[in-house]
């Protein structure tokens, strides 16, 4: 939540809408992470690193791609 709260309001809205679309419809720019467990959701310049099970999606990190999102988390 800290990562998401730190973003501008417009970015927060885009990210929450993209996560909702993925959770309901399975749509979005999703890739399985290589070398580790989890997935990446791309929303413009932002990335959400997450893992999921049958009942929930757990966002591990939300941030801009320029901050090396994938390599840090």
N, C-alpha and C. Protein backbone atom coordinates (compact mmCIF):
# COMPACT_ATOMS: atom_id res chain seq x y z
N UNK A 1 0.81 -1.20 0.00
CA UNK A 1 0.00 0.00 0.00
C UNK A 1 0.86 1.27 0.00
N UNK A 2 2.01 1.22 0.66
CA UNK A 2 2.87 2.39 0.70
C UNK A 2 3.31 2.78 -0.70
N UNK A 3 3.70 1.78 -1.50
CA UNK A 3 4.14 2.05 -2.87
C UNK A 3 3.03 2.70 -3.68
N UNK A 4 1.84 2.17 -3.58
CA UNK A 4 0.70 2.69 -4.32
C UNK A 4 0.32 4.09 -3.84
N UNK A 5 0.29 4.29 -2.54
CA UNK A 5 -0.07 5.59 -1.97
C UNK A 5 0.91 6.69 -2.36
N UNK A 6 2.16 6.33 -2.63
CA UNK A 6 3.18 7.31 -2.96
C UNK A 6 3.08 7.81 -4.40
N UNK A 7 2.27 7.17 -5.22
CA UNK A 7 2.14 7.54 -6.63
C UNK A 7 1.14 8.68 -6.81
N UNK A 8 1.24 9.39 -7.95
CA UNK A 8 0.24 10.42 -8.25
C UNK A 8 -1.15 9.79 -8.39
N UNK A 9 -2.19 10.58 -8.13
CA UNK A 9 -3.57 10.08 -8.14
C UNK A 9 -3.93 9.41 -9.46
N UNK A 10 -3.53 10.00 -10.57
CA UNK A 10 -3.85 9.42 -11.88
C UNK A 10 -3.23 8.04 -12.06
N UNK A 11 -1.99 7.89 -11.63
CA UNK A 11 -1.31 6.59 -11.73
C UNK A 11 -1.97 5.56 -10.82
N UNK A 12 -2.34 5.97 -9.61
CA UNK A 12 -3.04 5.05 -8.69
C UNK A 12 -4.33 4.53 -9.31
N UNK A 13 -5.07 5.43 -9.94
CA UNK A 13 -6.33 5.04 -10.56
C UNK A 13 -6.10 4.06 -11.71
N UNK A 14 -5.11 4.34 -12.55
CA UNK A 14 -4.80 3.44 -13.67
C UNK A 14 -4.39 2.06 -13.17
N UNK A 15 -3.58 2.03 -12.13
CA UNK A 15 -3.08 0.76 -11.60
C UNK A 15 -4.22 -0.05 -10.96
N UNK A 16 -5.06 0.60 -10.18
CA UNK A 16 -6.16 -0.14 -9.56
C UNK A 16 -7.15 -0.65 -10.61
N UNK A 17 -7.38 0.14 -11.66
CA UNK A 17 -8.26 -0.31 -12.75
C UNK A 17 -7.64 -1.50 -13.49
N UNK A 18 -6.34 -1.45 -13.73
CA UNK A 18 -5.66 -2.55 -14.43
C UNK A 18 -5.68 -3.83 -13.58
N UNK A 19 -5.45 -3.70 -12.28
CA UNK A 19 -5.52 -4.87 -11.41
C UNK A 19 -6.93 -5.45 -11.35
N UNK A 20 -7.93 -4.58 -11.32
CA UNK A 20 -9.31 -5.05 -11.31
C UNK A 20 -9.64 -5.77 -12.62
N UNK A 21 -9.20 -5.22 -13.75
CA UNK A 21 -9.46 -5.86 -15.05
C UNK A 21 -8.79 -7.22 -15.11
N UNK A 22 -7.58 -7.32 -14.58
CA UNK A 22 -6.89 -8.61 -14.58
C UNK A 22 -7.61 -9.61 -13.67
N UNK A 23 -8.01 -9.16 -12.51
CA UNK A 23 -8.64 -10.08 -11.56
C UNK A 23 -10.00 -10.58 -12.05
N UNK A 24 -10.74 -9.75 -12.77
CA UNK A 24 -12.07 -10.13 -13.24
C UNK A 24 -12.02 -10.83 -14.60
N UNK A 25 -11.28 -10.23 -15.54
CA UNK A 25 -11.30 -10.71 -16.93
C UNK A 25 -10.03 -11.43 -17.37
N UNK A 26 -8.97 -11.32 -16.57
CA UNK A 26 -7.71 -11.95 -16.97
C UNK A 26 -6.99 -11.19 -18.07
N UNK A 27 -7.33 -9.90 -18.23
CA UNK A 27 -6.72 -9.10 -19.28
C UNK A 27 -5.63 -8.19 -18.73
N UNK A 28 -4.71 -7.81 -19.59
CA UNK A 28 -3.63 -6.90 -19.20
C UNK A 28 -2.32 -7.36 -19.79
N UNK A 29 -1.32 -6.50 -19.71
CA UNK A 29 0.02 -6.81 -20.21
C UNK A 29 0.76 -7.55 -19.09
N UNK A 30 0.57 -8.86 -19.05
CA UNK A 30 1.11 -9.70 -17.98
C UNK A 30 2.22 -10.58 -18.52
N UNK A 31 3.28 -10.72 -17.76
CA UNK A 31 4.35 -11.65 -18.07
C UNK A 31 4.75 -12.39 -16.80
N UNK A 32 5.04 -13.67 -16.94
CA UNK A 32 5.59 -14.43 -15.82
C UNK A 32 7.05 -14.00 -15.65
N UNK A 33 7.47 -13.80 -14.41
CA UNK A 33 8.85 -13.41 -14.15
C UNK A 33 9.78 -14.59 -14.37
N UNK A 34 10.92 -14.32 -14.93
CA UNK A 34 11.90 -15.39 -15.14
C UNK A 34 12.88 -15.41 -13.97
N UNK A 35 13.22 -16.59 -13.54
CA UNK A 35 14.18 -16.73 -12.46
C UNK A 35 13.60 -16.56 -11.07
N UNK A 36 12.31 -16.34 -10.98
CA UNK A 36 11.68 -16.19 -9.67
C UNK A 36 10.18 -16.40 -9.82
N UNK A 37 9.52 -16.56 -8.73
CA UNK A 37 8.08 -16.77 -8.72
C UNK A 37 7.34 -15.44 -8.85
N UNK A 38 6.27 -15.42 -9.60
CA UNK A 38 5.44 -14.22 -9.69
C UNK A 38 5.25 -13.74 -11.11
N UNK A 39 4.58 -12.58 -11.22
CA UNK A 39 4.21 -11.99 -12.50
C UNK A 39 4.48 -10.50 -12.49
N UNK A 40 4.48 -9.92 -13.69
CA UNK A 40 4.64 -8.49 -13.87
C UNK A 40 3.44 -7.98 -14.67
N UNK A 41 2.81 -6.93 -14.20
CA UNK A 41 1.73 -6.25 -14.92
C UNK A 41 2.26 -4.89 -15.32
N UNK A 42 2.22 -4.60 -16.61
CA UNK A 42 2.72 -3.31 -17.11
C UNK A 42 1.54 -2.38 -17.36
N UNK A 43 1.62 -1.18 -16.80
CA UNK A 43 0.63 -0.14 -17.00
C UNK A 43 1.40 1.12 -17.37
N UNK A 44 1.61 1.36 -18.65
CA UNK A 44 2.38 2.52 -19.09
C UNK A 44 3.79 2.46 -18.54
N UNK A 45 4.21 3.49 -17.81
CA UNK A 45 5.55 3.54 -17.22
C UNK A 45 5.64 2.80 -15.90
N UNK A 46 4.52 2.29 -15.42
CA UNK A 46 4.49 1.64 -14.11
C UNK A 46 4.44 0.13 -14.24
N UNK A 47 4.97 -0.53 -13.21
CA UNK A 47 4.96 -1.99 -13.14
C UNK A 47 4.43 -2.42 -11.78
N UNK A 48 3.67 -3.51 -11.80
CA UNK A 48 3.22 -4.13 -10.57
C UNK A 48 3.80 -5.54 -10.57
N UNK A 49 4.59 -5.85 -9.57
CA UNK A 49 5.11 -7.19 -9.39
C UNK A 49 4.16 -7.88 -8.42
N UNK A 50 3.61 -9.03 -8.82
CA UNK A 50 2.62 -9.66 -7.97
C UNK A 50 2.69 -11.18 -8.08
N UNK A 51 2.05 -11.81 -7.14
CA UNK A 51 1.86 -13.26 -7.14
C UNK A 51 0.39 -13.50 -6.91
N UNK A 52 -0.09 -14.66 -7.28
CA UNK A 52 -1.50 -14.94 -7.12
C UNK A 52 -1.72 -16.40 -6.78
N UNK A 53 -2.87 -16.65 -6.20
CA UNK A 53 -3.34 -18.02 -6.01
C UNK A 53 -4.78 -18.04 -6.51
N UNK A 54 -5.51 -19.05 -6.21
CA UNK A 54 -6.86 -19.17 -6.74
C UNK A 54 -7.82 -18.12 -6.19
N UNK A 55 -7.50 -17.55 -5.05
CA UNK A 55 -8.43 -16.64 -4.39
C UNK A 55 -7.97 -15.18 -4.32
N UNK A 56 -6.69 -14.92 -4.51
CA UNK A 56 -6.23 -13.55 -4.30
C UNK A 56 -5.02 -13.21 -5.17
N UNK A 57 -4.82 -11.90 -5.33
CA UNK A 57 -3.65 -11.35 -6.00
C UNK A 57 -2.93 -10.52 -4.94
N UNK A 58 -1.65 -10.80 -4.76
CA UNK A 58 -0.85 -10.09 -3.76
C UNK A 58 0.20 -9.25 -4.49
N UNK A 59 0.03 -7.94 -4.45
CA UNK A 59 0.99 -7.03 -5.07
C UNK A 59 2.21 -6.94 -4.16
N UNK A 60 3.37 -7.24 -4.72
CA UNK A 60 4.62 -7.21 -3.96
C UNK A 60 5.28 -5.84 -4.08
N UNK A 61 5.18 -5.24 -5.27
CA UNK A 61 5.80 -3.94 -5.50
C UNK A 61 5.03 -3.20 -6.59
N UNK A 62 4.86 -1.91 -6.42
CA UNK A 62 4.25 -1.04 -7.42
C UNK A 62 5.18 0.13 -7.60
N UNK A 63 5.59 0.41 -8.85
CA UNK A 63 6.49 1.55 -9.08
C UNK A 63 6.77 1.79 -10.54
N UNK A 64 7.55 2.82 -10.80
CA UNK A 64 7.92 3.18 -12.17
C UNK A 64 9.00 2.25 -12.68
N UNK A 65 8.96 1.97 -13.93
CA UNK A 65 9.94 1.09 -14.57
C UNK A 65 11.35 1.66 -14.45
N UNK A 66 11.48 2.96 -14.52
CA UNK A 66 12.79 3.60 -14.46
C UNK A 66 13.53 3.33 -13.16
N UNK A 67 12.82 2.86 -12.14
CA UNK A 67 13.46 2.61 -10.85
C UNK A 67 13.90 1.15 -10.71
N UNK A 68 14.07 0.47 -11.83
CA UNK A 68 14.48 -0.94 -11.87
C UNK A 68 13.56 -1.82 -11.02
N UNK A 69 12.29 -1.67 -11.24
CA UNK A 69 11.26 -2.42 -10.52
C UNK A 69 11.56 -3.90 -10.44
N UNK A 70 11.83 -4.50 -11.57
CA UNK A 70 11.95 -5.95 -11.62
C UNK A 70 13.20 -6.46 -10.91
N UNK A 71 14.27 -5.74 -10.96
CA UNK A 71 15.50 -6.26 -10.36
C UNK A 71 15.54 -6.06 -8.86
N UNK A 72 14.84 -5.08 -8.33
CA UNK A 72 14.89 -4.82 -6.89
C UNK A 72 14.03 -5.77 -6.08
N UNK A 73 12.92 -6.25 -6.67
CA UNK A 73 11.96 -7.01 -5.88
C UNK A 73 11.70 -8.35 -6.46
